[in-house]
Amino acid sequence: MIHIVATWKIKPEYADSWPSLSKEFTEATRAEPGNRWFEWSRSIDDPNAYVLIEAFDDDAAGAHVNSDHFAKATAELPAYLAETPKIINTTVDQDEWSELGEMAVD
């Protein structure tokens, strides 16, 4: 599985609107074959920062970056960004979330 974590700094005037500004891209990506998850979270320390956690089957990433909605997002969304997103992209040898045993809930 390809696992990606990216940090996104949004211009302050667009930070509250980011979920709606990125909604079309988010929904289209979630609908892609081979997408496992595509989840946004907002930082509790910086209201202008979002973290995107995404995962794809190993053979699905190419289709994602070559999709029409990816091209549209890369053309339109940078206008709302304060800086270029930072990314960690890796392949992991699992295909689902594991439980955090140290915080097990009975």
C-alpha atoms as a PDB file:
ATOM      1  CA  MET A   1       0.000   0.000   0.000  1.00  0.00           C
ATOM      2  CA  ILE A   2       1.218   3.496  -0.788  1.00  0.00           C
ATOM      3  CA  HIS A   3       0.793   5.718   2.252  1.00  0.00           C
ATOM      4  CA  ILE A   4       1.051   9.498   1.983  1.00  0.00           C
ATOM      5  CA  VAL A   5       0.979  12.194   4.640  1.00  0.00           C
ATOM      6  CA  ALA A   6       1.037  15.814   3.493  1.00  0.00           C
ATOM      7  CA  THR A   7       0.916  19.066   5.424  1.00  0.00           C
ATOM      8  CA  TRP A   8      -0.915  21.964   3.822  1.00  0.00           C
ATOM      9  CA  LYS A   9      -0.543  25.591   4.940  1.00  0.00           C
ATOM     10  CA  ILE A  10      -3.584  27.509   3.763  1.00  0.00           C
ATOM     11  CA  LYS A  11      -3.744  31.292   3.388  1.00  0.00           C
ATOM     12  CA  PRO A  12      -5.511  32.582   6.523  1.00  0.00           C
ATOM     13  CA  GLU A  13      -8.412  34.080   4.584  1.00  0.00           C
ATOM     14  CA  TYR A  14      -9.201  30.632   3.083  1.00  0.00           C
ATOM     15  CA  ALA A  15      -8.473  28.336   6.038  1.00  0.00           C
ATOM     16  CA  ASP A  16     -12.079  28.070   7.218  1.00  0.00           C
ATOM     17  CA  SER A  17     -13.243  27.447   3.652  1.00  0.00           C
ATOM     18  CA  TRP A  18     -10.626  24.795   2.839  1.00  0.00           C
ATOM     19  CA  PRO A  19     -12.979  21.816   3.335  1.00  0.00           C
ATOM     20  CA  SER A  20     -15.391  23.208   0.752  1.00  0.00           C
ATOM     21  CA  LEU A  21     -12.607  24.437  -1.551  1.00  0.00           C
ATOM     22  CA  SER A  22     -11.052  20.959  -1.637  1.00  0.00           C
ATOM     23  CA  LYS A  23     -14.356  19.038  -1.576  1.00  0.00           C
ATOM     24  CA  GLU A  24     -14.563  18.223  -5.292  1.00  0.00           C
ATOM     25  CA  PHE A  25     -10.985  16.922  -5.333  1.00  0.00           C
ATOM     26  CA  THR A  26     -11.535  14.995  -2.098  1.00  0.00           C
ATOM     27  CA  GLU A  27     -14.726  13.303  -3.250  1.00  0.00           C
ATOM     28  CA  ALA A  28     -13.326  12.414  -6.678  1.00  0.00           C
ATOM     29  CA  THR A  29     -10.186  10.933  -5.129  1.00  0.00           C
ATOM     30  CA  ARG A  30     -12.183   8.900  -2.615  1.00  0.00           C
ATOM     31  CA  ALA A  31     -14.194   7.449  -5.506  1.00  0.00           C
ATOM     32  CA  GLU A  32     -11.097   6.235  -7.364  1.00  0.00           C
ATOM     33  CA  PRO A  33     -10.538   2.488  -7.641  1.00  0.00           C
ATOM     34  CA  GLY A  34      -7.683   1.578  -5.336  1.00  0.00           C
ATOM     35  CA  ASN A  35      -8.098   4.550  -2.991  1.00  0.00           C
ATOM     36  CA  ARG A  36      -8.162   3.274   0.578  1.00  0.00           C
ATOM     37  CA  TRP A  37      -8.591   6.587   2.367  1.00  0.00           C
ATOM     38  CA  PHE A  38      -8.217  10.308   1.809  1.00  0.00           C
ATOM     39  CA  GLU A  39      -8.739  12.150   5.089  1.00  0.00           C
ATOM     40  CA  TRP A  40      -8.199  15.787   6.052  1.00  0.00           C
ATOM     41  CA  SER A  41      -7.547  16.970   9.607  1.00  0.00           C
ATOM     42  CA  ARG A  42      -7.092  20.498  10.831  1.00  0.00           C
ATOM     43  CA  SER A  43      -4.236  21.297  13.187  1.00  0.00           C
ATOM     44  CA  ILE A  44      -5.184  22.196  16.738  1.00  0.00           C
ATOM     45  CA  ASP A  45      -2.007  24.310  16.978  1.00  0.00           C
ATOM     46  CA  ASP A  46      -2.250  26.228  13.703  1.00  0.00           C
ATOM     47  CA  PRO A  47      -5.741  26.990  12.346  1.00  0.00           C
ATOM     48  CA  ASN A  48      -4.257  27.579   8.884  1.00  0.00           C
ATOM     49  CA  ALA A  49      -2.700  24.107   8.683  1.00  0.00           C
ATOM     50  CA  TYR A  50      -4.285  20.880   7.497  1.00  0.00           C
ATOM     51  CA  VAL A  51      -2.883  17.365   7.326  1.00  0.00           C
ATOM     52  CA  LEU A  52      -3.937  14.991   4.568  1.00  0.00           C
ATOM     53  CA  ILE A  53      -3.580  11.255   5.146  1.00  0.00           C
ATOM     54  CA  GLU A  54      -4.117   9.175   2.033  1.00  0.00           C
ATOM     55  CA  ALA A  55      -3.506   5.612   0.928  1.00  0.00           C
ATOM     56  CA  PHE A  56      -3.725   3.776  -2.360  1.00  0.00           C
ATOM     57  CA  ASP A  57      -3.244   0.242  -3.562  1.00  0.00           C
ATOM     58  CA  ASP A  58       0.252  -0.068  -5.032  1.00  0.00           C
ATOM     59  CA  ASP A  59      -1.044   0.003  -8.604  1.00  0.00           C
ATOM     60  CA  ALA A  60      -3.521   2.883  -8.124  1.00  0.00           C
ATOM     61  CA  ALA A  61      -1.236   5.879  -7.619  1.00  0.00           C
ATOM     62  CA  GLY A  62      -0.518   6.369 -11.318  1.00  0.00           C
ATOM     63  CA  ALA A  63      -4.187   6.634 -12.161  1.00  0.00           C
ATOM     64  CA  HIS A  64      -4.607   9.148  -9.343  1.00  0.00           C
ATOM     65  CA  VAL A  65      -1.889  11.559 -10.463  1.00  0.00           C
ATOM     66  CA  ASN A  66      -2.998  11.225 -14.100  1.00  0.00           C
ATOM     67  CA  SER A  67      -6.699  11.840 -13.391  1.00  0.00           C
ATOM     68  CA  ASP A  68      -8.634  14.876 -14.600  1.00  0.00           C
ATOM     69  CA  HIS A  69      -9.547  15.859 -11.044  1.00  0.00           C
ATOM     70  CA  PHE A  70      -5.874  15.760  -9.994  1.00  0.00           C
ATOM     71  CA  ALA A  71      -4.957  18.025 -12.922  1.00  0.00           C
ATOM     72  CA  LYS A  72      -7.780  20.396 -12.016  1.00  0.00           C
ATOM     73  CA  ALA A  73      -6.727  20.460  -8.349  1.00  0.00           C
ATOM     74  CA  THR A  74      -3.083  21.162  -9.176  1.00  0.00           C
ATOM     75  CA  ALA A  75      -4.199  24.025 -11.407  1.00  0.00           C
ATOM     76  CA  GLU A  76      -6.712  25.586  -8.998  1.00  0.00           C
ATOM     77  CA  LEU A  77      -5.856  24.793  -5.369  1.00  0.00           C
ATOM     78  CA  PRO A  78      -2.382  26.421  -5.154  1.00  0.00           C
ATOM     79  CA  ALA A  79      -4.093  29.832  -5.262  1.00  0.00           C
ATOM     80  CA  TYR A  80      -5.343  29.141  -1.717  1.00  0.00           C
ATOM     81  CA  LEU A  81      -2.022  27.912  -0.320  1.00  0.00           C
ATOM     82  CA  ALA A  82       0.451  29.909   1.748  1.00  0.00           C
ATOM     83  CA  GLU A  83       3.296  27.555   0.775  1.00  0.00           C
ATOM     84  CA  THR A  84       4.010  24.380  -1.143  1.00  0.00           C
ATOM     85  CA  PRO A  85       2.650  21.352   0.752  1.00  0.00           C
ATOM     86  CA  LYS A  86       5.189  19.073   2.443  1.00  0.00           C
ATOM     87  CA  ILE A  87       4.842  15.328   1.851  1.00  0.00           C
ATOM     88  CA  ILE A  88       6.002  11.960   3.091  1.00  0.00           C
ATOM     89  CA  ASN A  89       5.313   9.196   0.574  1.00  0.00           C
ATOM     90  CA  THR A  90       6.157   5.596   1.393  1.00  0.00           C
ATOM     91  CA  THR A  91       5.103   2.055   0.638  1.00  0.00           C
ATOM     92  CA  VAL A  92       4.071  -0.045   3.608  1.00  0.00           C
ATOM     93  CA  ASP A  93       3.657  -3.789   3.841  1.00  0.00           C
ATOM     94  CA  GLN A  94       0.085  -3.811   5.086  1.00  0.00           C
ATOM     95  CA  ASP A  95      -3.273  -2.942   3.622  1.00  0.00           C
ATOM     96  CA  GLU A  96      -5.313  -1.652   6.546  1.00  0.00           C
ATOM     97  CA  TRP A  97      -4.990   0.217   9.831  1.00  0.00           C
ATOM     98  CA  SER A  98      -3.600  -1.695  12.816  1.00  0.00           C
ATOM     99  CA  GLU A  99      -4.846  -1.225  16.358  1.00  0.00           C
ATOM    100  CA  LEU A 100      -2.838   0.857  18.805  1.00  0.00           C
ATOM    101  CA  GLY A 101      -2.573  -1.819  21.497  1.00  0.00           C
ATOM    102  CA  GLU A 102      -1.271   0.564  24.159  1.00  0.00           C
ATOM    103  CA  MET A 103      -4.602   2.400  24.037  1.00  0.00           C
ATOM    104  CA  ALA A 104      -6.851  -0.661  23.784  1.00  0.00           C
ATOM    105  CA  VAL A 105     -10.492  -0.095  24.645  1.00  0.00           C
ATOM    106  CA  ASP A 106     -12.392  -3.000  26.197  1.00  0.00           C
END
